[in-house]
Amino acid sequence: MDEFPDITTGISKPDLFEKFKLQLQKDFEGAGLNGDFANDLKQDHYSILKVIEIEIEKINRLAVSKLTGLLYRIDINEVQIKKLSEERKESTINEIISELILKRELQKIIIKEHFKNK
């Protein structure tokens, strides 16, 4: 079986980046949140994390249940959050969640592309 492309390089590929933005917007909107911020993302890992982190902070202030719904929709669970939090004690919970969202959304796109091209 062919290997999956590296998730960390997915953000640097223009076609995958556009699909990533669409997937991110779709999942935010599917959770009843505004996903328009995804349209303005720059193709830079750090800036994407910061924008997602700001959105997570907004959601936390408004309704934690919305955040729970978003994480469920994206397929991120408490175990993943706890594990990464323990590995990165210096990071805030919003930074942890943002990174998990970025990785999971890229993973979804890369897996779809991998099997579409089979």
Protein backbone atom coordinates (compact mmCIF):
# COMPACT_ATOMS: atom_id res chain seq x y z
CA MET A 1 0.00 0.00 0.00
CA ASP A 2 1.26 3.49 -0.82
CA GLU A 3 2.24 5.77 2.03
CA PHE A 4 0.10 8.77 2.91
CA PRO A 5 1.71 12.14 2.24
CA ASP A 6 3.20 13.86 5.26
CA ILE A 7 0.51 15.88 7.05
CA THR A 8 2.92 18.63 8.04
CA THR A 9 3.69 19.44 4.39
CA GLY A 10 0.02 19.50 3.42
CA ILE A 11 -0.37 23.16 4.28
CA SER A 12 2.36 24.10 1.79
CA LYS A 13 0.56 22.60 -1.20
CA PRO A 14 -1.79 25.22 -2.72
CA ASP A 15 -4.45 22.74 -3.82
CA LEU A 16 -4.56 21.05 -0.40
CA PHE A 17 -4.53 24.41 1.36
CA GLU A 18 -7.67 25.54 -0.50
CA LYS A 19 -9.40 22.26 0.35
CA PHE A 20 -8.27 22.66 3.95
CA LYS A 21 -9.89 26.10 4.15
CA LEU A 22 -13.14 24.75 2.70
CA GLN A 23 -13.15 21.80 5.13
CA LEU A 24 -12.47 24.08 8.09
CA GLN A 25 -15.28 26.43 7.08
CA LYS A 26 -17.65 23.50 6.51
CA ASP A 27 -16.96 22.00 9.93
CA PHE A 28 -17.31 25.31 11.78
CA GLU A 29 -20.58 26.06 10.00
CA GLY A 30 -21.77 22.49 10.52
CA ALA A 31 -21.33 23.06 14.26
CA GLY A 32 -23.47 26.21 14.06
CA LEU A 33 -20.51 28.61 14.10
CA ASN A 34 -19.25 31.25 11.70
CA GLY A 35 -16.62 29.76 9.42
CA ASP A 36 -15.99 32.81 7.22
CA PHE A 37 -12.61 33.41 8.87
CA ALA A 38 -11.25 30.44 6.90
CA ASN A 39 -11.52 32.38 3.63
CA ASP A 40 -8.89 34.87 4.81
CA LEU A 41 -6.31 32.38 6.07
CA LYS A 42 -2.76 32.82 4.87
CA GLN A 43 -0.77 29.77 3.84
CA ASP A 44 1.41 29.85 6.93
CA HIS A 45 1.28 27.28 9.73
CA TYR A 46 1.81 29.79 12.55
CA SER A 47 -0.75 32.33 11.32
CA ILE A 48 -3.36 29.60 10.77
CA LEU A 49 -2.85 28.39 14.34
CA LYS A 50 -3.25 31.94 15.67
CA VAL A 51 -6.45 32.58 13.70
CA ILE A 52 -7.97 29.27 14.83
CA GLU A 53 -6.90 30.04 18.40
CA ILE A 54 -8.71 33.39 18.29
CA GLU A 55 -11.85 31.66 17.02
CA ILE A 56 -11.61 29.06 19.81
CA GLU A 57 -11.29 31.84 22.39
CA LYS A 58 -14.45 33.51 21.01
CA ILE A 59 -16.35 30.23 21.15
CA ASN A 60 -15.19 29.57 24.74
CA ARG A 61 -16.50 32.97 25.81
CA LEU A 62 -19.87 32.49 24.12
CA ALA A 63 -20.78 28.85 24.69
CA VAL A 64 -18.63 25.91 25.71
CA SER A 65 -21.30 23.58 24.31
CA LYS A 66 -20.59 25.01 20.84
CA LEU A 67 -16.92 24.13 21.26
CA THR A 68 -17.85 20.62 22.29
CA GLY A 69 -20.01 20.31 19.19
CA LEU A 70 -17.22 21.59 16.97
CA LEU A 71 -14.68 19.16 18.41
CA TYR A 72 -17.13 16.29 17.97
CA ARG A 73 -17.76 17.29 14.36
CA ILE A 74 -14.04 17.56 13.57
CA ASP A 75 -13.38 14.29 15.44
CA ILE A 76 -11.19 15.45 18.30
CA ASN A 77 -11.71 13.83 21.67
CA GLU A 78 -10.77 14.60 25.26
CA VAL A 79 -8.03 11.96 25.30
CA GLN A 80 -6.22 13.69 22.44
CA ILE A 81 -6.52 17.06 24.16
CA LYS A 82 -5.28 15.69 27.46
CA LYS A 83 -2.35 13.85 25.86
CA LEU A 84 -1.13 16.91 23.96
CA SER A 85 -1.67 19.09 27.04
CA GLU A 86 0.59 16.80 29.06
CA GLU A 87 3.24 16.89 26.34
CA ARG A 88 3.10 20.67 26.06
CA LYS A 89 2.59 21.99 29.53
CA GLU A 90 3.62 25.51 28.45
CA SER A 91 0.77 25.73 25.91
CA THR A 92 -2.71 27.03 26.67
CA ILE A 93 -5.76 24.86 26.12
CA ASN A 94 -6.75 27.07 23.18
CA GLU A 95 -3.34 26.54 21.57
CA ILE A 96 -3.68 22.78 22.07
CA ILE A 97 -7.16 22.68 20.56
CA SER A 98 -6.07 24.88 17.64
CA GLU A 99 -3.20 22.58 16.80
CA LEU A 100 -5.40 19.50 16.99
CA ILE A 101 -7.97 21.16 14.71
CA LEU A 102 -5.30 22.09 12.16
CA LYS A 103 -3.82 18.59 12.12
CA ARG A 104 -7.18 16.80 11.97
CA GLU A 105 -8.54 18.98 9.17
CA LEU A 106 -5.37 18.47 7.12
CA GLN A 107 -5.52 14.77 7.82
CA LYS A 108 -9.09 14.61 6.50
CA ILE A 109 -8.09 16.33 3.28
CA ILE A 110 -4.98 14.22 2.73
CA ILE A 111 -6.88 10.98 3.32
CA LYS A 112 -9.66 12.02 0.94
CA GLU A 113 -7.11 12.93 -1.73
CA HIS A 114 -5.17 9.72 -1.22
CA PHE A 115 -8.19 7.50 -1.74
CA LYS A 116 -9.65 9.67 -4.51
CA ASN A 117 -6.48 9.13 -6.53
CA LYS A 118 -6.53 5.34 -6.09
